[in-house]
């Protein structure tokens, strides 16, 4: 399965973004209200300057306490996040996520972001693919 197929299977393919210069508190509010695990930091909604996850915020809370909530997302985001292309396979993306130890990846077409996939999206797609392969093999074994 390819990344474009994973994007097509998502019920909501929009990407939540927040502008540089916003506070960590604003980002946390967005993550909470949208029930998402990460937000892309982007000045224009197309070019990702960084990514900020729940884990980033919790890490800063642990280091600095609640004072970090008034800091800017620019200060704690992961700058220049690793992206993928729509033609990459689920296995390639899973390997990148596993090796890089991150759970969200912007999908890029050239310099523009066209989607965001999570490790959950990729695992769901792989499980669906494996289920179809299993059914096909069972059908061959049974002679159907």
N, C-alpha and C. Protein backbone atom coordinates (compact mmCIF):
# COMPACT_ATOMS: atom_id res chain seq x y z
N UNK A 1 0.84 -1.17 0.00
CA UNK A 1 0.00 0.00 0.00
C UNK A 1 0.89 1.25 0.00
N UNK A 2 0.46 2.25 -0.71
CA UNK A 2 1.23 3.49 -0.85
C UNK A 2 0.60 4.62 -0.01
N UNK A 3 1.40 5.63 0.25
CA UNK A 3 0.97 6.74 1.10
C UNK A 3 -0.29 7.41 0.54
N UNK A 4 -0.40 7.57 -0.77
CA UNK A 4 -1.59 8.22 -1.33
C UNK A 4 -2.84 7.40 -1.03
N UNK A 5 -2.73 6.08 -0.98
CA UNK A 5 -3.87 5.23 -0.64
C UNK A 5 -4.24 5.39 0.83
N UNK A 6 -3.23 5.54 1.68
CA UNK A 6 -3.48 5.76 3.11
C UNK A 6 -4.21 7.08 3.30
N UNK A 7 -3.74 8.13 2.61
CA UNK A 7 -4.41 9.43 2.71
C UNK A 7 -5.86 9.35 2.24
N UNK A 8 -6.09 8.62 1.15
CA UNK A 8 -7.45 8.48 0.62
C UNK A 8 -8.37 7.73 1.56
N UNK A 9 -7.81 6.85 2.38
CA UNK A 9 -8.64 6.05 3.29
C UNK A 9 -8.98 6.78 4.58
N UNK A 10 -8.30 7.90 4.85
CA UNK A 10 -8.58 8.65 6.08
C UNK A 10 -9.91 9.39 5.96
N UNK A 11 -10.67 9.40 7.05
CA UNK A 11 -11.96 10.08 7.03
C UNK A 11 -11.79 11.60 6.96
N UNK A 12 -10.69 12.09 7.52
CA UNK A 12 -10.41 13.53 7.49
C UNK A 12 -8.97 13.71 7.05
N UNK A 13 -8.79 14.26 5.86
CA UNK A 13 -7.42 14.40 5.34
C UNK A 13 -6.86 15.80 5.54
N UNK A 14 -7.57 16.63 6.33
CA UNK A 14 -7.05 17.97 6.57
C UNK A 14 -5.88 17.90 7.54
N UNK A 15 -5.03 18.90 7.47
CA UNK A 15 -3.85 18.97 8.33
C UNK A 15 -4.01 20.18 9.24
N UNK A 16 -3.96 19.93 10.53
CA UNK A 16 -4.02 21.02 11.49
C UNK A 16 -2.66 21.71 11.54
N UNK A 17 -2.68 23.02 11.38
CA UNK A 17 -1.43 23.78 11.46
C UNK A 17 -1.61 24.90 12.46
N UNK A 18 -0.49 25.37 12.95
CA UNK A 18 -0.43 26.52 13.83
C UNK A 18 0.72 27.39 13.33
N UNK A 19 0.55 28.68 13.45
CA UNK A 19 1.58 29.60 12.94
C UNK A 19 2.75 29.72 13.91
N UNK A 20 3.94 29.92 13.38
CA UNK A 20 5.08 30.23 14.25
C UNK A 20 4.73 31.47 15.08
N UNK A 21 5.27 31.52 16.29
CA UNK A 21 5.00 32.66 17.16
C UNK A 21 3.82 32.46 18.09
N UNK A 22 3.07 31.36 17.88
CA UNK A 22 1.96 31.05 18.78
C UNK A 22 2.53 30.44 20.06
N UNK A 23 1.77 30.48 21.12
CA UNK A 23 2.25 29.93 22.39
C UNK A 23 2.03 28.43 22.44
N UNK A 24 2.80 27.79 23.30
CA UNK A 24 2.64 26.35 23.55
C UNK A 24 1.24 26.10 24.09
N UNK A 25 0.71 27.02 24.92
CA UNK A 25 -0.65 26.87 25.45
C UNK A 25 -1.67 26.82 24.32
N UNK A 26 -1.52 27.67 23.30
CA UNK A 26 -2.43 27.67 22.16
C UNK A 26 -2.34 26.35 21.39
N UNK A 27 -1.14 25.84 21.25
CA UNK A 27 -0.96 24.55 20.57
C UNK A 27 -1.59 23.43 21.37
N UNK A 28 -1.41 23.44 22.70
CA UNK A 28 -1.99 22.40 23.55
C UNK A 28 -3.51 22.45 23.48
N UNK A 29 -4.06 23.65 23.44
CA UNK A 29 -5.52 23.79 23.32
C UNK A 29 -6.02 23.21 22.00
N UNK A 30 -5.30 23.47 20.92
CA UNK A 30 -5.66 22.93 19.61
C UNK A 30 -5.58 21.40 19.61
N UNK A 31 -4.48 20.85 20.14
CA UNK A 31 -4.33 19.39 20.21
C UNK A 31 -5.49 18.77 20.99
N UNK A 32 -5.84 19.39 22.11
CA UNK A 32 -6.90 18.87 22.95
C UNK A 32 -8.27 18.96 22.27
N UNK A 33 -8.58 20.12 21.71
CA UNK A 33 -9.91 20.31 21.11
C UNK A 33 -10.11 19.44 19.88
N UNK A 34 -9.05 19.21 19.12
CA UNK A 34 -9.16 18.40 17.90
C UNK A 34 -8.88 16.91 18.16
N UNK A 35 -8.44 16.61 19.39
CA UNK A 35 -8.12 15.24 19.77
C UNK A 35 -7.09 14.62 18.82
N UNK A 36 -5.99 15.36 18.63
CA UNK A 36 -4.90 14.92 17.76
C UNK A 36 -3.60 14.91 18.54
N UNK A 37 -2.61 14.20 18.03
CA UNK A 37 -1.35 14.03 18.75
C UNK A 37 -0.24 14.96 18.34
N UNK A 38 -0.41 15.66 17.22
CA UNK A 38 0.65 16.54 16.75
C UNK A 38 0.04 17.62 15.85
N UNK A 39 0.74 18.73 15.78
CA UNK A 39 0.32 19.83 14.92
C UNK A 39 1.54 20.32 14.15
N UNK A 40 1.31 20.67 12.90
CA UNK A 40 2.39 21.20 12.07
C UNK A 40 2.49 22.71 12.31
N UNK A 41 3.71 23.18 12.50
CA UNK A 41 3.97 24.61 12.63
C UNK A 41 4.32 25.10 11.22
N UNK A 42 3.49 26.02 10.71
CA UNK A 42 3.67 26.47 9.33
C UNK A 42 3.19 27.91 9.18
N UNK A 43 3.97 28.74 8.52
CA UNK A 43 3.54 30.13 8.32
C UNK A 43 2.39 30.25 7.32
N UNK A 44 2.28 29.29 6.40
CA UNK A 44 1.29 29.41 5.33
C UNK A 44 0.38 28.19 5.16
N UNK A 45 0.53 27.19 6.02
CA UNK A 45 -0.31 25.99 5.92
C UNK A 45 0.18 25.01 4.87
N UNK A 46 1.23 25.33 4.16
CA UNK A 46 1.75 24.46 3.10
C UNK A 46 3.19 24.02 3.33
N UNK A 47 3.98 24.89 3.89
CA UNK A 47 5.40 24.59 4.10
C UNK A 47 5.64 24.37 5.58
N UNK A 48 5.94 23.11 5.97
CA UNK A 48 6.14 22.84 7.40
C UNK A 48 7.48 23.36 7.91
N UNK A 49 7.41 24.26 8.88
CA UNK A 49 8.63 24.75 9.53
C UNK A 49 9.02 23.81 10.66
N UNK A 50 8.01 23.12 11.21
CA UNK A 50 8.27 22.22 12.32
C UNK A 50 7.03 21.41 12.66
N UNK A 51 7.18 20.56 13.65
CA UNK A 51 6.07 19.75 14.15
C UNK A 51 6.15 19.76 15.67
N UNK A 52 5.00 19.84 16.30
CA UNK A 52 4.93 19.87 17.76
C UNK A 52 3.96 18.78 18.19
N UNK A 53 4.43 17.88 19.04
CA UNK A 53 3.59 16.77 19.49
C UNK A 53 3.26 16.90 20.97
N UNK A 54 2.30 16.11 21.40
CA UNK A 54 1.96 16.04 22.82
C UNK A 54 3.21 15.70 23.64
N UNK A 55 4.00 14.80 23.13
CA UNK A 55 5.22 14.39 23.84
C UNK A 55 6.18 15.55 24.03
N UNK A 56 6.29 16.42 23.02
CA UNK A 56 7.16 17.59 23.14
C UNK A 56 6.70 18.47 24.29
N UNK A 57 5.39 18.68 24.37
CA UNK A 57 4.84 19.54 25.42
C UNK A 57 5.04 18.91 26.80
N UNK A 58 4.77 17.62 26.91
CA UNK A 58 4.94 16.93 28.20
C UNK A 58 6.41 16.96 28.63
N UNK A 59 7.31 16.77 27.68
CA UNK A 59 8.74 16.82 28.00
C UNK A 59 9.12 18.19 28.57
N UNK A 60 8.62 19.25 27.95
CA UNK A 60 8.92 20.60 28.44
C UNK A 60 8.26 20.87 29.79
N UNK A 61 7.04 20.37 29.98
CA UNK A 61 6.39 20.51 31.29
C UNK A 61 7.23 19.85 32.37
N UNK A 62 7.79 18.70 32.07
CA UNK A 62 8.64 17.98 33.02
C UNK A 62 9.92 18.73 33.32
N UNK A 63 10.47 19.39 32.31
CA UNK A 63 11.75 20.12 32.48
C UNK A 63 11.56 21.48 33.15
N UNK A 64 10.52 22.22 32.71
CA UNK A 64 10.40 23.62 33.13
C UNK A 64 9.15 23.93 33.94
N UNK A 65 8.22 22.95 34.00
CA UNK A 65 6.97 23.21 34.70
C UNK A 65 6.01 24.02 33.83
N UNK A 66 4.91 24.49 34.43
CA UNK A 66 3.86 25.18 33.67
C UNK A 66 4.32 26.45 32.97
N UNK A 67 5.45 27.01 33.36
CA UNK A 67 5.95 28.23 32.71
C UNK A 67 6.18 28.02 31.22
N UNK A 68 6.44 26.78 30.80
CA UNK A 68 6.70 26.52 29.38
C UNK A 68 5.47 26.80 28.51
N UNK A 69 4.30 26.84 29.11
CA UNK A 69 3.08 27.05 28.33
C UNK A 69 3.03 28.45 27.70
N UNK A 70 3.77 29.39 28.26
CA UNK A 70 3.78 30.74 27.69
C UNK A 70 4.91 30.92 26.66
N UNK A 71 5.74 29.88 26.50
CA UNK A 71 6.80 29.93 25.49
C UNK A 71 6.20 29.80 24.09
N UNK A 72 7.01 30.07 23.08
CA UNK A 72 6.56 29.96 21.69
C UNK A 72 6.76 28.54 21.17
N UNK A 73 5.86 28.12 20.30
CA UNK A 73 5.99 26.78 19.71
C UNK A 73 7.32 26.63 19.00
N UNK A 74 7.82 27.73 18.45
CA UNK A 74 9.11 27.72 17.74
C UNK A 74 10.24 27.20 18.62
N UNK A 75 10.13 27.44 19.94
CA UNK A 75 11.21 27.08 20.86
C UNK A 75 11.25 25.60 21.20
N UNK A 76 10.12 24.89 21.06
CA UNK A 76 10.14 23.48 21.46
C UNK A 76 9.76 22.51 20.34
N UNK A 77 9.37 23.05 19.19
CA UNK A 77 9.00 22.17 18.07
C UNK A 77 10.23 21.45 17.53
N UNK A 78 9.98 20.38 16.80
CA UNK A 78 11.04 19.74 16.03
C UNK A 78 11.07 20.45 14.68
N UNK A 79 12.15 21.17 14.42
CA UNK A 79 12.27 21.93 13.17
C UNK A 79 12.53 20.98 12.00
N UNK A 80 12.08 21.40 10.83
CA UNK A 80 12.31 20.64 9.59
C UNK A 80 11.95 19.17 9.75
N UNK A 81 10.67 18.87 9.99
CA UNK A 81 10.29 17.47 10.21
C UNK A 81 10.54 16.60 8.98
N UNK A 82 10.82 15.34 9.23
CA UNK A 82 11.02 14.37 8.15
C UNK A 82 9.67 14.13 7.47
N UNK A 83 9.66 14.24 6.17
CA UNK A 83 8.43 14.02 5.42
C UNK A 83 8.55 12.80 4.52
N UNK A 84 7.43 12.48 3.90
CA UNK A 84 7.41 11.37 2.93
C UNK A 84 6.68 11.84 1.68
N UNK A 85 6.75 11.01 0.65
CA UNK A 85 6.07 11.29 -0.62
C UNK A 85 4.85 10.38 -0.76
N UNK A 86 3.92 10.80 -1.60
CA UNK A 86 2.70 10.02 -1.80
C UNK A 86 2.95 8.67 -2.45
N UNK A 87 4.08 8.53 -3.17
CA UNK A 87 4.35 7.27 -3.86
C UNK A 87 5.12 6.27 -3.00
N UNK A 88 5.49 6.64 -1.78
CA UNK A 88 6.22 5.71 -0.92
C UNK A 88 5.28 4.64 -0.38
N UNK A 89 5.86 3.49 -0.03
CA UNK A 89 5.07 2.39 0.51
C UNK A 89 4.89 2.54 2.02
N UNK A 90 3.89 1.86 2.54
CA UNK A 90 3.64 1.85 3.98
C UNK A 90 4.86 1.29 4.71
N UNK A 91 5.48 0.26 4.17
CA UNK A 91 6.66 -0.32 4.81
C UNK A 91 7.81 0.68 4.90
N UNK A 92 8.03 1.44 3.83
CA UNK A 92 9.10 2.45 3.84
C UNK A 92 8.84 3.51 4.92
N UNK A 93 7.59 3.96 5.01
CA UNK A 93 7.23 4.97 5.99
C UNK A 93 7.34 4.43 7.41
N UNK A 94 6.88 3.19 7.62
CA UNK A 94 7.02 2.58 8.95
C UNK A 94 8.48 2.49 9.37
N UNK A 95 9.34 2.15 8.43
CA UNK A 95 10.76 2.06 8.74
C UNK A 95 11.32 3.42 9.11
N UNK A 96 10.94 4.47 8.36
CA UNK A 96 11.40 5.82 8.68
C UNK A 96 10.93 6.25 10.07
N UNK A 97 9.66 5.99 10.37
CA UNK A 97 9.10 6.37 11.66
C UNK A 97 9.78 5.61 12.80
N UNK A 98 10.00 4.33 12.60
CA UNK A 98 10.63 3.52 13.63
C UNK A 98 12.08 3.96 13.86
N UNK A 99 12.82 4.14 12.78
CA UNK A 99 14.22 4.56 12.91
C UNK A 99 14.35 5.95 13.50
N UNK A 100 13.44 6.85 13.13
CA UNK A 100 13.51 8.22 13.63
C UNK A 100 12.81 8.42 14.97
N UNK A 101 12.08 7.40 15.42
CA UNK A 101 11.36 7.44 16.70
C UNK A 101 10.36 8.60 16.74
N UNK A 102 9.55 8.71 15.66
CA UNK A 102 8.47 9.69 15.65
C UNK A 102 7.21 9.04 15.12
N UNK A 103 6.08 9.65 15.41
CA UNK A 103 4.79 9.04 15.11
C UNK A 103 3.95 9.78 14.07
N UNK A 104 4.42 10.93 13.62
CA UNK A 104 3.67 11.72 12.64
C UNK A 104 4.62 12.19 11.55
N UNK A 105 4.10 12.22 10.31
CA UNK A 105 4.95 12.56 9.19
C UNK A 105 4.15 13.36 8.15
N UNK A 106 4.63 14.55 7.80
CA UNK A 106 3.95 15.28 6.73
C UNK A 106 4.18 14.59 5.38
N UNK A 107 3.15 14.62 4.56
CA UNK A 107 3.24 14.07 3.21
C UNK A 107 3.49 15.26 2.28
N UNK A 108 4.57 15.16 1.53
CA UNK A 108 5.02 16.29 0.72
C UNK A 108 4.89 16.01 -0.78
N UNK A 109 4.55 17.07 -1.52
CA UNK A 109 4.63 17.09 -2.98
C UNK A 109 5.53 18.26 -3.30
N UNK A 110 6.77 17.96 -3.61
CA UNK A 110 7.75 19.03 -3.77
C UNK A 110 7.99 19.69 -2.43
N UNK A 111 7.81 21.01 -2.37
CA UNK A 111 8.00 21.75 -1.12
C UNK A 111 6.70 21.92 -0.33
N UNK A 112 5.58 21.48 -0.90
CA UNK A 112 4.28 21.70 -0.26
C UNK A 112 3.77 20.45 0.46
N UNK A 113 3.20 20.68 1.63
CA UNK A 113 2.59 19.61 2.41
C UNK A 113 1.18 19.37 1.89
N UNK A 114 0.87 18.10 1.60
CA UNK A 114 -0.45 17.75 1.08
C UNK A 114 -1.23 16.84 2.03
N UNK A 115 -0.62 16.48 3.14
CA UNK A 115 -1.30 15.63 4.12
C UNK A 115 -0.39 15.36 5.29
N UNK A 116 -0.93 14.62 6.25
CA UNK A 116 -0.19 14.21 7.43
C UNK A 116 -0.65 12.80 7.77
N UNK A 117 0.31 11.90 7.98
CA UNK A 117 -0.06 10.55 8.39
C UNK A 117 0.59 10.24 9.72
N UNK A 118 -0.11 9.41 10.47
CA UNK A 118 0.40 8.98 11.77
C UNK A 118 0.79 7.50 11.67
N UNK A 119 1.53 7.06 12.64
CA UNK A 119 1.90 5.65 12.66
C UNK A 119 0.64 4.78 12.76
N UNK A 120 -0.39 5.30 13.44
CA UNK A 120 -1.66 4.58 13.52
C UNK A 120 -2.31 4.41 12.16
N UNK A 121 -2.24 5.45 11.31
CA UNK A 121 -2.79 5.36 9.95
C UNK A 121 -2.06 4.28 9.15
N UNK A 122 -0.74 4.24 9.30
CA UNK A 122 0.08 3.30 8.54
C UNK A 122 -0.16 1.87 9.03
N UNK A 123 -0.23 1.68 10.33
CA UNK A 123 -0.48 0.34 10.88
C UNK A 123 -1.87 -0.15 10.46
N UNK A 124 -2.87 0.71 10.52
CA UNK A 124 -4.22 0.34 10.09
C UNK A 124 -4.22 -0.11 8.62
N UNK A 125 -3.51 0.64 7.78
CA UNK A 125 -3.43 0.29 6.36
C UNK A 125 -2.74 -1.06 6.17
N UNK A 126 -1.65 -1.28 6.89
CA UNK A 126 -0.93 -2.56 6.77
C UNK A 126 -1.79 -3.72 7.24
N UNK A 127 -2.53 -3.54 8.34
CA UNK A 127 -3.41 -4.61 8.83
C UNK A 127 -4.50 -4.93 7.81
N UNK A 128 -5.04 -3.90 7.18
CA UNK A 128 -6.04 -4.11 6.14
C UNK A 128 -5.44 -4.88 4.97
N UNK A 129 -4.24 -4.50 4.58
CA UNK A 129 -3.54 -5.17 3.48
C UNK A 129 -3.27 -6.64 3.82
N UNK A 130 -2.81 -6.89 5.03
CA UNK A 130 -2.53 -8.27 5.47
C UNK A 130 -3.81 -9.11 5.52
N UNK A 131 -4.90 -8.50 5.93
CA UNK A 131 -6.18 -9.21 5.97
C UNK A 131 -6.62 -9.62 4.56
N UNK A 132 -6.45 -8.71 3.60
CA UNK A 132 -6.82 -9.04 2.21
C UNK A 132 -5.93 -10.15 1.66
N UNK A 133 -4.63 -10.10 1.97
CA UNK A 133 -3.71 -11.15 1.52
C UNK A 133 -4.10 -12.50 2.13
N UNK A 134 -4.45 -12.49 3.40
CA UNK A 134 -4.86 -13.73 4.09
C UNK A 134 -6.11 -14.32 3.42
N UNK A 135 -7.10 -13.46 3.14
CA UNK A 135 -8.32 -13.94 2.49
C UNK A 135 -8.03 -14.50 1.11
N UNK A 136 -7.14 -13.86 0.36
CA UNK A 136 -6.78 -14.33 -0.97
C UNK A 136 -6.09 -15.69 -0.88
N UNK A 137 -5.16 -15.84 0.08
CA UNK A 137 -4.48 -17.12 0.25
C UNK A 137 -5.45 -18.22 0.68
N UNK A 138 -6.35 -17.90 1.58
CA UNK A 138 -7.35 -18.89 2.00
C UNK A 138 -8.22 -19.31 0.83
N UNK A 139 -8.56 -18.34 -0.02
CA UNK A 139 -9.37 -18.65 -1.20
C UNK A 139 -8.63 -19.57 -2.16
N UNK A 140 -7.33 -19.35 -2.32
CA UNK A 140 -6.53 -20.23 -3.20
C UNK A 140 -6.42 -21.62 -2.62
N UNK A 141 -6.24 -21.71 -1.30
CA UNK A 141 -6.12 -23.01 -0.65
C UNK A 141 -7.42 -23.77 -0.76
N UNK A 142 -8.53 -23.08 -0.60
CA UNK A 142 -9.84 -23.74 -0.66
C UNK A 142 -10.29 -23.99 -2.10
N UNK A 143 -9.57 -23.41 -3.04
CA UNK A 143 -9.89 -23.65 -4.44
C UNK A 143 -10.98 -22.74 -4.98
N UNK A 144 -11.11 -21.57 -4.38
CA UNK A 144 -12.14 -20.62 -4.86
C UNK A 144 -11.56 -19.66 -5.83
